[in-house]
Amino acid sequence: MSTNPFLKQNKKAEKPIEIFVSDNFVNEKGKPVPFVLKIISSEEADLISDTCIEPVIDPQTRRKVGSEVNQKRLQMELLTKSIVTPDLEDKETQDSWGAHNSTDLLNKMLNMKEKATLIKAFDKEFQSSEEKSEESETETKNA
């Protein structure tokens, strides 16, 4: 085994992240069940980002003048691809909620407060170390 820490086989596996979104999702013992998220690869994130690019249309000429990323859609796509539990692709779960896809299922499963809790936790967990450091400094200054 090589001592080069940057070889693929030497990289530690990312630990899943548990987020308790609501007391409304409980196991058979009545205890809340967390949503479990994984960190997706930057390659997968880039592919998802590419699917969220939309044209910018000039309202006067009705012609495309550029393109932009639909941030709301990107956030939801990254979030749903990161969720391991519950399995948002499970047909039985989708059918029970009358959902057509993973994003639709998540929107139907969660009320506004639960969704906000999940998004806030997702954003906090997945921001860069630099952003976390800046946020910590701001919180310290405001205390």
N, C-alpha and C. Protein backbone atom coordinates (compact mmCIF):
# COMPACT_ATOMS: atom_id res chain seq x y z
N MET A 1 0.84 -1.19 0.00
CA MET A 1 0.00 0.00 0.00
C MET A 1 0.89 1.25 0.00
N SER A 2 0.54 2.19 -0.84
CA SER A 2 1.32 3.41 -0.97
C SER A 2 1.07 4.35 0.21
N THR A 3 2.05 5.17 0.50
CA THR A 3 1.91 6.16 1.58
C THR A 3 1.36 7.48 1.05
N ASN A 4 1.08 7.55 -0.24
CA ASN A 4 0.52 8.76 -0.83
C ASN A 4 -0.93 8.92 -0.36
N PRO A 5 -1.23 9.93 0.47
CA PRO A 5 -2.57 10.08 1.03
C PRO A 5 -3.62 10.50 0.00
N PHE A 6 -3.19 10.90 -1.20
CA PHE A 6 -4.14 11.39 -2.19
C PHE A 6 -4.60 10.33 -3.18
N LEU A 7 -4.15 9.10 -2.99
CA LEU A 7 -4.64 8.01 -3.82
C LEU A 7 -6.07 7.68 -3.41
N LYS A 8 -6.87 7.28 -4.37
CA LYS A 8 -8.28 6.99 -4.11
C LYS A 8 -8.47 6.00 -2.96
N GLN A 9 -7.69 4.94 -2.95
CA GLN A 9 -7.85 3.91 -1.93
C GLN A 9 -7.49 4.40 -0.52
N ASN A 10 -6.77 5.53 -0.42
CA ASN A 10 -6.38 6.05 0.88
C ASN A 10 -7.34 7.11 1.43
N LYS A 11 -8.32 7.49 0.63
CA LYS A 11 -9.28 8.50 1.10
C LYS A 11 -10.31 7.83 2.01
N LYS A 12 -10.56 8.47 3.14
CA LYS A 12 -11.56 7.94 4.07
C LYS A 12 -12.95 8.13 3.49
N ALA A 13 -13.83 7.20 3.81
CA ALA A 13 -15.21 7.31 3.35
C ALA A 13 -15.93 8.39 4.16
N GLU A 14 -16.78 9.13 3.50
CA GLU A 14 -17.57 10.17 4.17
C GLU A 14 -18.60 9.50 5.07
N LYS A 15 -18.81 10.07 6.23
CA LYS A 15 -19.82 9.54 7.14
C LYS A 15 -21.18 10.13 6.76
N PRO A 16 -22.23 9.30 6.80
CA PRO A 16 -23.57 9.84 6.53
C PRO A 16 -23.96 10.86 7.61
N ILE A 17 -24.82 11.76 7.24
CA ILE A 17 -25.26 12.82 8.14
C ILE A 17 -26.72 12.58 8.50
N GLU A 18 -27.01 12.55 9.79
CA GLU A 18 -28.39 12.34 10.24
C GLU A 18 -29.00 13.69 10.62
N ILE A 19 -30.21 13.92 10.09
CA ILE A 19 -30.92 15.16 10.38
C ILE A 19 -32.33 14.81 10.84
N PHE A 20 -32.65 15.22 12.05
CA PHE A 20 -34.01 15.00 12.56
C PHE A 20 -34.88 16.16 12.08
N VAL A 21 -35.75 15.85 11.14
CA VAL A 21 -36.57 16.85 10.48
C VAL A 21 -37.87 17.09 11.24
N SER A 22 -38.40 16.01 11.83
CA SER A 22 -39.73 16.12 12.43
C SER A 22 -39.97 14.99 13.42
N ASP A 23 -40.84 15.26 14.37
CA ASP A 23 -41.30 14.21 15.28
C ASP A 23 -42.43 13.40 14.66
N ASN A 24 -42.84 13.75 13.46
CA ASN A 24 -43.96 13.08 12.79
C ASN A 24 -43.55 11.78 12.08
N PHE A 25 -42.25 11.57 11.90
CA PHE A 25 -41.76 10.34 11.30
C PHE A 25 -41.11 9.52 12.41
N VAL A 26 -41.79 8.46 12.84
CA VAL A 26 -41.33 7.67 13.99
C VAL A 26 -41.21 6.20 13.62
N ASN A 27 -40.36 5.49 14.36
CA ASN A 27 -40.24 4.04 14.17
C ASN A 27 -41.32 3.33 14.97
N GLU A 28 -41.26 2.00 14.98
CA GLU A 28 -42.30 1.21 15.67
C GLU A 28 -42.31 1.43 17.19
N LYS A 29 -41.22 1.97 17.73
CA LYS A 29 -41.16 2.27 19.17
C LYS A 29 -41.59 3.70 19.48
N GLY A 30 -41.96 4.44 18.44
CA GLY A 30 -42.42 5.81 18.63
C GLY A 30 -41.31 6.85 18.69
N LYS A 31 -40.08 6.44 18.37
CA LYS A 31 -38.95 7.38 18.40
C LYS A 31 -38.78 8.02 17.02
N PRO A 32 -38.46 9.32 17.00
CA PRO A 32 -38.26 10.00 15.72
C PRO A 32 -37.15 9.35 14.90
N VAL A 33 -37.38 9.30 13.60
CA VAL A 33 -36.43 8.70 12.66
C VAL A 33 -35.78 9.83 11.86
N PRO A 34 -34.45 9.83 11.79
CA PRO A 34 -33.78 10.91 11.05
C PRO A 34 -33.79 10.67 9.54
N PHE A 35 -33.64 11.75 8.80
CA PHE A 35 -33.30 11.66 7.40
C PHE A 35 -31.79 11.44 7.38
N VAL A 36 -31.31 10.60 6.50
CA VAL A 36 -29.87 10.33 6.40
C VAL A 36 -29.41 10.84 5.04
N LEU A 37 -28.37 11.67 5.07
CA LEU A 37 -27.84 12.26 3.85
C LEU A 37 -26.40 11.83 3.63
N LYS A 38 -26.03 11.75 2.36
CA LYS A 38 -24.65 11.46 1.98
C LYS A 38 -24.11 12.67 1.24
N ILE A 39 -22.81 12.78 1.22
CA ILE A 39 -22.17 13.83 0.45
C ILE A 39 -21.95 13.27 -0.95
N ILE A 40 -22.53 13.94 -1.94
CA ILE A 40 -22.36 13.47 -3.32
C ILE A 40 -21.05 14.02 -3.89
N SER A 41 -20.57 13.37 -4.92
CA SER A 41 -19.31 13.80 -5.53
C SER A 41 -19.50 15.13 -6.24
N SER A 42 -18.42 15.85 -6.40
CA SER A 42 -18.50 17.12 -7.12
C SER A 42 -18.84 16.86 -8.59
N GLU A 43 -18.44 15.71 -9.09
CA GLU A 43 -18.79 15.34 -10.48
C GLU A 43 -20.31 15.21 -10.62
N GLU A 44 -20.96 14.52 -9.67
CA GLU A 44 -22.41 14.38 -9.70
C GLU A 44 -23.09 15.73 -9.49
N ALA A 45 -22.55 16.55 -8.61
CA ALA A 45 -23.12 17.88 -8.36
C ALA A 45 -23.05 18.74 -9.63
N ASP A 46 -21.95 18.63 -10.36
CA ASP A 46 -21.82 19.38 -11.61
C ASP A 46 -22.85 18.92 -12.64
N LEU A 47 -23.06 17.61 -12.74
CA LEU A 47 -24.06 17.09 -13.67
C LEU A 47 -25.45 17.59 -13.31
N ILE A 48 -25.75 17.60 -12.01
CA ILE A 48 -27.05 18.10 -11.55
C ILE A 48 -27.18 19.59 -11.87
N SER A 49 -26.12 20.33 -11.62
CA SER A 49 -26.12 21.77 -11.90
C SER A 49 -26.40 22.04 -13.38
N ASP A 50 -25.80 21.23 -14.25
CA ASP A 50 -26.01 21.40 -15.69
C ASP A 50 -27.47 21.23 -16.09
N THR A 51 -28.20 20.38 -15.36
CA THR A 51 -29.61 20.16 -15.69
C THR A 51 -30.51 21.29 -15.19
N CYS A 52 -29.94 22.19 -14.39
CA CYS A 52 -30.72 23.29 -13.82
C CYS A 52 -30.47 24.62 -14.51
N ILE A 53 -29.78 24.57 -15.65
CA ILE A 53 -29.52 25.80 -16.41
C ILE A 53 -30.74 26.09 -17.29
N GLU A 54 -31.19 27.33 -17.20
CA GLU A 54 -32.38 27.75 -17.95
C GLU A 54 -32.03 28.98 -18.79
N PRO A 55 -32.70 29.14 -19.93
CA PRO A 55 -32.43 30.31 -20.76
C PRO A 55 -32.97 31.59 -20.13
N VAL A 56 -32.28 32.69 -20.40
CA VAL A 56 -32.76 34.01 -20.02
C VAL A 56 -33.29 34.65 -21.30
N ILE A 57 -34.56 35.02 -21.25
CA ILE A 57 -35.23 35.56 -22.42
C ILE A 57 -35.45 37.07 -22.24
N ASP A 58 -35.08 37.84 -23.27
CA ASP A 58 -35.34 39.27 -23.26
C ASP A 58 -36.84 39.46 -23.47
N PRO A 59 -37.54 40.11 -22.52
CA PRO A 59 -38.99 40.24 -22.63
C PRO A 59 -39.43 41.07 -23.84
N GLN A 60 -38.59 41.96 -24.32
CA GLN A 60 -38.98 42.79 -25.47
C GLN A 60 -38.80 42.06 -26.78
N THR A 61 -37.66 41.40 -26.95
CA THR A 61 -37.39 40.72 -28.22
C THR A 61 -37.81 39.26 -28.21
N ARG A 62 -38.06 38.74 -27.01
CA ARG A 62 -38.40 37.33 -26.82
C ARG A 62 -37.32 36.38 -27.36
N ARG A 63 -36.09 36.86 -27.30
CA ARG A 63 -34.96 36.06 -27.73
C ARG A 63 -34.09 35.72 -26.53
N LYS A 64 -33.41 34.60 -26.65
CA LYS A 64 -32.49 34.17 -25.60
C LYS A 64 -31.30 35.12 -25.58
N VAL A 65 -31.02 35.65 -24.38
CA VAL A 65 -29.89 36.56 -24.23
C VAL A 65 -28.82 35.99 -23.31
N GLY A 66 -29.05 34.79 -22.83
CA GLY A 66 -28.09 34.17 -21.94
C GLY A 66 -28.72 32.98 -21.24
N SER A 67 -28.08 32.55 -20.17
CA SER A 67 -28.61 31.45 -19.38
C SER A 67 -28.21 31.67 -17.93
N GLU A 68 -28.97 31.03 -17.03
CA GLU A 68 -28.69 31.13 -15.61
C GLU A 68 -29.11 29.84 -14.92
N VAL A 69 -28.55 29.61 -13.76
CA VAL A 69 -28.89 28.43 -12.98
C VAL A 69 -30.12 28.76 -12.15
N ASN A 70 -31.12 27.90 -12.23
CA ASN A 70 -32.31 28.02 -11.38
C ASN A 70 -31.89 27.53 -9.99
N GLN A 71 -31.59 28.46 -9.09
CA GLN A 71 -31.03 28.12 -7.77
C GLN A 71 -31.98 27.29 -6.92
N LYS A 72 -33.26 27.59 -6.98
CA LYS A 72 -34.24 26.83 -6.18
C LYS A 72 -34.28 25.38 -6.65
N ARG A 73 -34.33 25.19 -7.95
CA ARG A 73 -34.34 23.83 -8.51
C ARG A 73 -33.04 23.10 -8.20
N LEU A 74 -31.91 23.81 -8.32
CA LEU A 74 -30.62 23.20 -8.03
C LEU A 74 -30.55 22.73 -6.59
N GLN A 75 -31.00 23.57 -5.67
CA GLN A 75 -30.97 23.20 -4.25
C GLN A 75 -31.81 21.95 -4.01
N MET A 76 -33.00 21.89 -4.60
CA MET A 76 -33.87 20.72 -4.40
C MET A 76 -33.29 19.46 -5.05
N GLU A 77 -32.69 19.60 -6.21
CA GLU A 77 -32.09 18.45 -6.88
C GLU A 77 -30.89 17.92 -6.09
N LEU A 78 -30.05 18.82 -5.61
CA LEU A 78 -28.90 18.39 -4.80
C LEU A 78 -29.37 17.75 -3.50
N LEU A 79 -30.39 18.33 -2.90
CA LEU A 79 -30.93 17.80 -1.65
C LEU A 79 -31.49 16.40 -1.86
N THR A 80 -32.34 16.22 -2.87
CA THR A 80 -32.96 14.91 -3.07
C THR A 80 -31.93 13.84 -3.45
N LYS A 81 -30.90 14.23 -4.19
CA LYS A 81 -29.85 13.26 -4.54
C LYS A 81 -28.98 12.90 -3.35
N SER A 82 -28.94 13.77 -2.35
CA SER A 82 -28.14 13.52 -1.16
C SER A 82 -28.86 12.66 -0.13
N ILE A 83 -30.18 12.61 -0.21
CA ILE A 83 -30.95 11.86 0.80
C ILE A 83 -30.87 10.37 0.52
N VAL A 84 -30.40 9.63 1.53
CA VAL A 84 -30.30 8.18 1.46
C VAL A 84 -31.53 7.55 2.09
N THR A 85 -31.93 8.09 3.25
CA THR A 85 -33.10 7.61 3.97
C THR A 85 -33.95 8.81 4.35
N PRO A 86 -35.20 8.80 3.97
CA PRO A 86 -35.94 7.74 3.30
C PRO A 86 -35.53 7.64 1.82
N ASP A 87 -35.79 6.48 1.25
CA ASP A 87 -35.49 6.25 -0.16
C ASP A 87 -36.56 6.96 -0.98
N LEU A 88 -36.21 8.11 -1.53
CA LEU A 88 -37.18 8.91 -2.27
C LEU A 88 -37.52 8.31 -3.64
N GLU A 89 -36.76 7.31 -4.05
CA GLU A 89 -37.05 6.62 -5.33
C GLU A 89 -37.94 5.39 -5.14
N ASP A 90 -38.25 5.05 -3.89
CA ASP A 90 -39.06 3.87 -3.59
C ASP A 90 -40.48 4.05 -4.11
N LYS A 91 -40.90 3.16 -5.00
CA LYS A 91 -42.21 3.28 -5.64
C LYS A 91 -43.35 3.20 -4.62
N GLU A 92 -43.23 2.31 -3.64
CA GLU A 92 -44.27 2.18 -2.62
C GLU A 92 -44.46 3.48 -1.84
N THR A 93 -43.35 4.11 -1.48
CA THR A 93 -43.42 5.38 -0.75
C THR A 93 -43.99 6.47 -1.64
N GLN A 94 -43.54 6.53 -2.89
CA GLN A 94 -44.08 7.52 -3.82
C GLN A 94 -45.57 7.32 -4.02
N ASP A 95 -46.00 6.07 -4.20
CA ASP A 95 -47.42 5.79 -4.40
C ASP A 95 -48.25 6.17 -3.18
N SER A 96 -47.70 5.94 -1.97
CA SER A 96 -48.47 6.24 -0.77
C SER A 96 -48.70 7.74 -0.62
N TRP A 97 -47.82 8.56 -1.18
CA TRP A 97 -47.96 10.02 -1.12
C TRP A 97 -48.53 10.60 -2.41
N GLY A 98 -48.76 9.75 -3.42
CA GLY A 98 -49.26 10.23 -4.70
C GLY A 98 -48.23 11.07 -5.44
N ALA A 99 -46.96 10.69 -5.29
CA ALA A 99 -45.86 11.45 -5.90
C ALA A 99 -45.41 10.80 -7.20
N HIS A 100 -44.82 11.62 -8.07
CA HIS A 100 -44.36 11.15 -9.38
C HIS A 100 -42.86 10.99 -9.48
N ASN A 101 -42.13 11.64 -8.57
CA ASN A 101 -40.66 11.56 -8.58
C ASN A 101 -40.14 11.93 -7.19
N SER A 102 -38.83 11.91 -7.02
CA SER A 102 -38.24 12.13 -5.70
C SER A 102 -38.49 13.55 -5.17
N THR A 103 -38.39 14.56 -6.03
CA THR A 103 -38.63 15.93 -5.59
C THR A 103 -40.09 16.12 -5.21
N ASP A 104 -40.97 15.57 -6.01
CA ASP A 104 -42.41 15.64 -5.72
C ASP A 104 -42.71 14.95 -4.39
N LEU A 105 -42.09 13.81 -4.16
CA LEU A 105 -42.29 13.08 -2.91
C LEU A 105 -41.83 13.90 -1.71
N LEU A 106 -40.66 14.48 -1.80
CA LEU A 106 -40.15 15.28 -0.69
C LEU A 106 -41.08 16.45 -0.39
N ASN A 107 -41.56 17.10 -1.44
CA ASN A 107 -42.49 18.22 -1.26
C ASN A 107 -43.81 17.79 -0.64
N LYS A 108 -44.26 16.59 -0.94
CA LYS A 108 -45.52 16.11 -0.37
C LYS A 108 -45.35 15.57 1.04
N MET A 109 -44.19 15.00 1.33
CA MET A 109 -43.92 14.41 2.65
C MET A 109 -43.78 15.47 3.74
N LEU A 110 -43.15 16.57 3.39
CA LEU A 110 -42.78 17.55 4.39
C LEU A 110 -43.67 18.78 4.35
N ASN A 111 -44.07 19.23 5.54
CA ASN A 111 -44.77 20.51 5.59
C ASN A 111 -43.72 21.62 5.48
N MET A 112 -44.17 22.85 5.47
CA MET A 112 -43.27 23.97 5.26
C MET A 112 -42.17 24.04 6.33
N LYS A 113 -42.54 23.81 7.58
CA LYS A 113 -41.57 23.88 8.68
C LYS A 113 -40.54 22.75 8.57
N GLU A 114 -41.00 21.54 8.27
CA GLU A 114 -40.09 20.40 8.14
C GLU A 114 -39.12 20.60 6.98
N LYS A 115 -39.64 21.10 5.86
CA LYS A 115 -38.80 21.33 4.70
C LYS A 115 -37.75 22.40 5.00
N ALA A 116 -38.16 23.46 5.70
CA ALA A 116 -37.22 24.52 6.07
C ALA A 116 -36.14 23.97 7.00
N THR A 117 -36.52 23.11 7.94
CA THR A 117 -35.56 22.49 8.85
C THR A 117 -34.54 21.66 8.07
N LEU A 118 -35.02 20.88 7.12
CA LEU A 118 -34.14 20.03 6.31
C LEU A 118 -33.21 20.87 5.45
N ILE A 119 -33.74 21.89 4.80
CA ILE A 119 -32.92 22.74 3.93
C ILE A 119 -31.87 23.49 4.74
N LYS A 120 -32.26 24.01 5.90
CA LYS A 120 -31.31 24.75 6.73
C LYS A 120 -30.17 23.83 7.19
N ALA A 121 -30.53 22.62 7.64
CA ALA A 121 -29.51 21.67 8.08
C ALA A 121 -28.63 21.23 6.91
N PHE A 122 -29.24 21.00 5.76
CA PHE A 122 -28.51 20.62 4.55
C PHE A 122 -27.50 21.71 4.18
N ASP A 123 -27.98 22.95 4.13
CA ASP A 123 -27.10 24.06 3.78
C ASP A 123 -25.94 24.20 4.77
N LYS A 124 -26.24 24.04 6.05
CA LYS A 124 -25.20 24.17 7.08
C LYS A 124 -24.18 23.04 6.97
N GLU A 125 -24.64 21.81 6.77
CA GLU A 125 -23.74 20.66 6.68
C GLU A 125 -22.86 20.70 5.43
N PHE A 126 -23.38 21.26 4.34
CA PHE A 126 -22.67 21.16 3.07
C PHE A 126 -21.95 22.43 2.67
N GLN A 127 -21.97 23.46 3.52
CA GLN A 127 -21.20 24.64 3.19
C GLN A 127 -19.73 24.35 3.43
N SER A 128 -18.88 25.10 2.77
CA SER A 128 -17.44 24.86 2.87
C SER A 128 -16.93 25.20 4.26
N SER A 129 -15.76 24.72 4.59
CA SER A 129 -15.12 25.01 5.87
C SER A 129 -14.92 26.51 6.02
N GLU A 130 -14.58 27.19 4.92
CA GLU A 130 -14.36 28.63 4.95
C GLU A 130 -15.66 29.36 5.31
N GLU A 131 -16.79 28.92 4.70
CA GLU A 131 -18.08 29.54 5.00
C GLU A 131 -18.47 29.29 6.45
N LYS A 132 -18.21 28.06 6.95
CA LYS A 132 -18.52 27.76 8.35
C LYS A 132 -17.69 28.64 9.27
N SER A 133 -16.42 28.86 8.92
CA SER A 133 -15.53 29.69 9.72
C SER A 133 -16.03 31.13 9.75
N GLU A 134 -16.43 31.66 8.59
CA GLU A 134 -16.96 33.03 8.51
C GLU A 134 -18.24 33.15 9.32
N GLU A 135 -19.11 32.14 9.23
CA GLU A 135 -20.36 32.16 9.97
C GLU A 135 -20.09 32.13 11.47
N SER A 136 -19.12 31.34 11.89
CA SER A 136 -18.76 31.25 13.29
C SER A 136 -18.22 32.59 13.80
N GLU A 137 -17.38 33.25 12.98
CA GLU A 137 -16.84 34.56 13.35
C GLU A 137 -17.96 35.58 13.51
N THR A 138 -18.93 35.56 12.59
CA THR A 138 -20.06 36.49 12.65
C THR A 138 -20.88 36.26 13.89
N GLU A 139 -21.13 34.98 14.21
CA GLU A 139 -21.91 34.65 15.41
C GLU A 139 -21.17 35.11 16.66
N THR A 140 -19.84 34.97 16.68
CA THR A 140 -19.03 35.38 17.83
C THR A 140 -19.09 36.90 18.00
N LYS A 141 -18.98 37.63 16.89
CA LYS A 141 -19.04 39.10 16.94
C LYS A 141 -20.40 39.59 17.41
N ASN A 142 -21.45 38.87 17.03
CA ASN A 142 -22.82 39.30 17.37
C ASN A 142 -23.22 38.88 18.78
N ALA A 143 -22.42 38.05 19.42
CA ALA A 143 -22.78 37.56 20.77
C ALA A 143 -22.47 38.57 21.85
